[in-house]
Amino acid sequence: MVSAVTKVCNPMGMHMRPAQLFIKTVTPFKSNITLVVNGKEINGKSIMNLMAACIKQGTELEIKCDGPDEDAMLKAVVELIDSGLGE
């Protein structure tokens, strides 16, 4: 398992459009992804969980990836979040 910590930097946080882009990014990977948001673990491959977590600008996320392509998945997700989630 690999993990990293980053902060959401886009002004609107994780609303529908960034959540869709996040899911589109992680779906091709075989690894599992878990996000730790405000102490709560959520499945990073579930758009409903992402939306329900109410992830706002400045929220610190711990990203945990576990599986055969965990390193590539973690790199892709951190780059996506650090780039502003497409916004």
N, C-alpha and C. Protein backbone atom coordinates (compact mmCIF):
# COMPACT_ATOMS: atom_id res chain seq x y z
N MET A 1 0.85 -1.18 0.00
CA MET A 1 0.00 0.00 0.00
C MET A 1 0.89 1.24 0.00
N VAL A 2 0.47 2.25 -0.77
CA VAL A 2 1.15 3.53 -0.81
C VAL A 2 0.14 4.61 -0.45
N SER A 3 0.64 5.72 0.09
CA SER A 3 -0.27 6.79 0.45
C SER A 3 0.42 8.14 0.31
N ALA A 4 -0.41 9.18 0.24
CA ALA A 4 0.08 10.55 0.17
C ALA A 4 -0.98 11.45 0.77
N VAL A 5 -0.55 12.63 1.18
CA VAL A 5 -1.47 13.63 1.72
C VAL A 5 -1.38 14.87 0.84
N THR A 6 -2.54 15.40 0.48
CA THR A 6 -2.61 16.62 -0.32
C THR A 6 -3.84 17.40 0.09
N LYS A 7 -3.95 18.63 -0.42
CA LYS A 7 -5.12 19.47 -0.12
C LYS A 7 -5.84 19.81 -1.41
N VAL A 8 -7.15 19.91 -1.31
CA VAL A 8 -7.97 20.32 -2.44
C VAL A 8 -7.77 21.82 -2.62
N CYS A 9 -7.35 22.23 -3.82
CA CYS A 9 -7.04 23.64 -4.03
C CYS A 9 -8.06 24.38 -4.90
N ASN A 10 -8.92 23.65 -5.62
CA ASN A 10 -9.86 24.37 -6.47
C ASN A 10 -10.96 25.02 -5.62
N PRO A 11 -11.40 26.22 -6.01
CA PRO A 11 -12.32 27.00 -5.17
C PRO A 11 -13.66 26.33 -4.86
N MET A 12 -14.16 25.51 -5.76
CA MET A 12 -15.48 24.91 -5.55
C MET A 12 -15.42 23.55 -4.87
N GLY A 13 -14.23 23.03 -4.61
CA GLY A 13 -14.11 21.73 -3.97
C GLY A 13 -14.51 20.60 -4.90
N MET A 14 -14.93 19.49 -4.31
CA MET A 14 -15.27 18.28 -5.07
C MET A 14 -16.77 18.25 -5.35
N HIS A 15 -17.21 19.07 -6.31
CA HIS A 15 -18.60 19.02 -6.72
C HIS A 15 -18.72 18.01 -7.88
N MET A 16 -19.84 17.97 -8.57
CA MET A 16 -20.12 16.91 -9.53
C MET A 16 -19.07 16.79 -10.65
N ARG A 17 -18.71 17.89 -11.28
CA ARG A 17 -17.78 17.81 -12.41
C ARG A 17 -16.40 17.27 -11.98
N PRO A 18 -15.77 17.81 -10.92
CA PRO A 18 -14.50 17.24 -10.48
C PRO A 18 -14.62 15.79 -10.00
N ALA A 19 -15.75 15.46 -9.37
CA ALA A 19 -15.95 14.08 -8.92
C ALA A 19 -16.00 13.13 -10.11
N GLN A 20 -16.66 13.55 -11.19
CA GLN A 20 -16.71 12.72 -12.39
C GLN A 20 -15.32 12.54 -12.98
N LEU A 21 -14.54 13.61 -13.02
CA LEU A 21 -13.18 13.53 -13.54
C LEU A 21 -12.32 12.62 -12.66
N PHE A 22 -12.52 12.70 -11.34
CA PHE A 22 -11.79 11.85 -10.40
C PHE A 22 -12.10 10.38 -10.69
N ILE A 23 -13.38 10.05 -10.83
CA ILE A 23 -13.80 8.68 -11.10
C ILE A 23 -13.25 8.21 -12.44
N LYS A 24 -13.30 9.07 -13.44
CA LYS A 24 -12.77 8.73 -14.77
C LYS A 24 -11.27 8.43 -14.69
N THR A 25 -10.57 9.14 -13.81
CA THR A 25 -9.13 8.93 -13.64
C THR A 25 -8.82 7.62 -12.95
N VAL A 26 -9.57 7.26 -11.91
CA VAL A 26 -9.23 6.07 -11.11
C VAL A 26 -9.81 4.77 -11.66
N THR A 27 -10.87 4.84 -12.46
CA THR A 27 -11.54 3.62 -12.95
C THR A 27 -10.63 2.67 -13.72
N PRO A 28 -9.74 3.15 -14.59
CA PRO A 28 -8.90 2.20 -15.35
C PRO A 28 -7.91 1.40 -14.50
N PHE A 29 -7.63 1.85 -13.29
CA PHE A 29 -6.66 1.17 -12.44
C PHE A 29 -7.30 -0.02 -11.73
N LYS A 30 -6.51 -1.07 -11.53
CA LYS A 30 -6.98 -2.27 -10.84
C LYS A 30 -6.93 -2.11 -9.32
N SER A 31 -6.10 -1.22 -8.85
CA SER A 31 -5.92 -1.02 -7.41
C SER A 31 -7.17 -0.43 -6.76
N ASN A 32 -7.26 -0.61 -5.46
CA ASN A 32 -8.31 0.02 -4.67
C ASN A 32 -7.79 1.37 -4.18
N ILE A 33 -8.70 2.31 -4.01
CA ILE A 33 -8.32 3.63 -3.51
C ILE A 33 -9.26 4.02 -2.38
N THR A 34 -8.66 4.50 -1.31
CA THR A 34 -9.41 4.97 -0.15
C THR A 34 -8.97 6.39 0.13
N LEU A 35 -9.93 7.28 0.36
CA LEU A 35 -9.63 8.64 0.75
C LEU A 35 -10.00 8.81 2.22
N VAL A 36 -9.12 9.41 2.98
CA VAL A 36 -9.41 9.73 4.37
C VAL A 36 -9.71 11.22 4.41
N VAL A 37 -10.98 11.54 4.70
CA VAL A 37 -11.47 12.92 4.71
C VAL A 37 -12.02 13.21 6.10
N ASN A 38 -11.41 14.15 6.78
CA ASN A 38 -11.85 14.52 8.13
C ASN A 38 -11.98 13.29 9.04
N GLY A 39 -11.01 12.38 8.93
CA GLY A 39 -10.98 11.19 9.77
C GLY A 39 -11.85 10.05 9.32
N LYS A 40 -12.60 10.24 8.24
CA LYS A 40 -13.50 9.20 7.75
C LYS A 40 -12.96 8.61 6.45
N GLU A 41 -12.93 7.28 6.35
CA GLU A 41 -12.46 6.61 5.14
C GLU A 41 -13.61 6.42 4.17
N ILE A 42 -13.36 6.78 2.89
CA ILE A 42 -14.37 6.57 1.86
C ILE A 42 -13.75 5.86 0.66
N ASN A 43 -14.58 5.13 -0.06
CA ASN A 43 -14.16 4.43 -1.28
C ASN A 43 -13.98 5.47 -2.37
N GLY A 44 -12.76 5.60 -2.88
CA GLY A 44 -12.45 6.58 -3.90
C GLY A 44 -12.95 6.23 -5.28
N LYS A 45 -13.54 5.06 -5.46
CA LYS A 45 -14.10 4.69 -6.75
C LYS A 45 -15.62 4.83 -6.77
N SER A 46 -16.18 5.45 -5.74
CA SER A 46 -17.63 5.64 -5.64
C SER A 46 -17.95 7.13 -5.73
N ILE A 47 -18.60 7.52 -6.82
CA ILE A 47 -18.95 8.94 -6.97
C ILE A 47 -19.92 9.39 -5.89
N MET A 48 -20.78 8.50 -5.44
CA MET A 48 -21.72 8.86 -4.38
C MET A 48 -20.97 9.16 -3.07
N ASN A 49 -19.95 8.36 -2.77
CA ASN A 49 -19.16 8.61 -1.56
C ASN A 49 -18.40 9.92 -1.66
N LEU A 50 -17.85 10.21 -2.85
CA LEU A 50 -17.12 11.47 -3.05
C LEU A 50 -18.04 12.66 -2.84
N MET A 51 -19.23 12.59 -3.40
CA MET A 51 -20.18 13.70 -3.27
C MET A 51 -20.67 13.85 -1.82
N ALA A 52 -20.93 12.74 -1.16
CA ALA A 52 -21.44 12.77 0.21
C ALA A 52 -20.40 13.28 1.22
N ALA A 53 -19.12 13.20 0.86
CA ALA A 53 -18.06 13.62 1.78
C ALA A 53 -17.96 15.14 1.91
N CYS A 54 -18.62 15.89 1.02
CA CYS A 54 -18.61 17.36 1.07
C CYS A 54 -17.18 17.91 1.15
N ILE A 55 -16.35 17.52 0.21
CA ILE A 55 -14.94 17.92 0.19
C ILE A 55 -14.84 19.34 -0.38
N LYS A 56 -14.42 20.26 0.46
CA LYS A 56 -14.35 21.68 0.10
C LYS A 56 -12.90 22.11 -0.13
N GLN A 57 -12.73 23.31 -0.67
CA GLN A 57 -11.39 23.87 -0.87
C GLN A 57 -10.66 23.90 0.47
N GLY A 58 -9.39 23.48 0.44
CA GLY A 58 -8.58 23.47 1.65
C GLY A 58 -8.66 22.19 2.46
N THR A 59 -9.57 21.29 2.08
CA THR A 59 -9.70 20.02 2.79
C THR A 59 -8.46 19.17 2.56
N GLU A 60 -7.90 18.64 3.63
CA GLU A 60 -6.74 17.76 3.52
C GLU A 60 -7.23 16.34 3.27
N LEU A 61 -6.65 15.72 2.25
CA LEU A 61 -7.01 14.35 1.89
C LEU A 61 -5.81 13.44 2.06
N GLU A 62 -6.02 12.31 2.72
CA GLU A 62 -5.01 11.25 2.69
C GLU A 62 -5.50 10.25 1.66
N ILE A 63 -4.66 9.95 0.71
CA ILE A 63 -5.01 9.04 -0.38
C ILE A 63 -4.23 7.75 -0.17
N LYS A 64 -4.96 6.63 -0.10
CA LYS A 64 -4.33 5.32 0.08
C LYS A 64 -4.67 4.45 -1.13
N CYS A 65 -3.66 3.92 -1.78
CA CYS A 65 -3.86 3.04 -2.93
C CYS A 65 -3.25 1.69 -2.61
N ASP A 66 -3.96 0.63 -2.95
CA ASP A 66 -3.50 -0.72 -2.65
C ASP A 66 -3.85 -1.64 -3.81
N GLY A 67 -2.82 -2.22 -4.43
CA GLY A 67 -3.05 -3.15 -5.53
C GLY A 67 -1.88 -3.18 -6.49
N PRO A 68 -2.08 -3.85 -7.62
CA PRO A 68 -0.97 -4.09 -8.55
C PRO A 68 -0.42 -2.84 -9.23
N ASP A 69 -1.24 -1.80 -9.39
CA ASP A 69 -0.78 -0.57 -10.04
C ASP A 69 -0.92 0.64 -9.11
N GLU A 70 -0.69 0.39 -7.82
CA GLU A 70 -0.91 1.41 -6.80
C GLU A 70 -0.06 2.65 -6.99
N ASP A 71 1.21 2.49 -7.40
CA ASP A 71 2.09 3.65 -7.56
C ASP A 71 1.59 4.58 -8.66
N ALA A 72 1.22 4.00 -9.80
CA ALA A 72 0.73 4.80 -10.92
C ALA A 72 -0.59 5.48 -10.57
N MET A 73 -1.45 4.76 -9.86
CA MET A 73 -2.74 5.33 -9.45
C MET A 73 -2.54 6.51 -8.51
N LEU A 74 -1.69 6.34 -7.52
CA LEU A 74 -1.43 7.41 -6.56
C LEU A 74 -0.87 8.64 -7.26
N LYS A 75 0.07 8.43 -8.16
CA LYS A 75 0.66 9.55 -8.91
C LYS A 75 -0.41 10.29 -9.71
N ALA A 76 -1.27 9.56 -10.40
CA ALA A 76 -2.31 10.17 -11.22
C ALA A 76 -3.29 10.97 -10.37
N VAL A 77 -3.68 10.43 -9.24
CA VAL A 77 -4.66 11.09 -8.37
C VAL A 77 -4.07 12.35 -7.73
N VAL A 78 -2.85 12.26 -7.24
CA VAL A 78 -2.22 13.44 -6.62
C VAL A 78 -2.05 14.55 -7.66
N GLU A 79 -1.63 14.19 -8.87
CA GLU A 79 -1.48 15.19 -9.93
C GLU A 79 -2.83 15.84 -10.25
N LEU A 80 -3.89 15.04 -10.30
CA LEU A 80 -5.22 15.56 -10.60
C LEU A 80 -5.67 16.55 -9.52
N ILE A 81 -5.52 16.17 -8.27
CA ILE A 81 -5.95 17.04 -7.17
C ILE A 81 -5.11 18.31 -7.12
N ASP A 82 -3.78 18.16 -7.25
CA ASP A 82 -2.89 19.31 -7.19
C ASP A 82 -3.10 20.26 -8.36
N SER A 83 -3.60 19.77 -9.48
CA SER A 83 -3.84 20.62 -10.65
C SER A 83 -5.17 21.36 -10.57
N GLY A 84 -5.95 21.12 -9.52
CA GLY A 84 -7.23 21.81 -9.36
C GLY A 84 -8.43 21.03 -9.82
N LEU A 85 -8.28 19.72 -9.99
CA LEU A 85 -9.40 18.85 -10.39
C LEU A 85 -10.06 19.30 -11.68
N GLY A 86 -9.23 19.75 -12.63
CA GLY A 86 -9.75 20.11 -13.95
C GLY A 86 -10.41 21.46 -14.02
N GLU A 87 -10.28 22.25 -12.98
CA GLU A 87 -10.92 23.58 -12.99
C GLU A 87 -9.91 24.68 -12.89
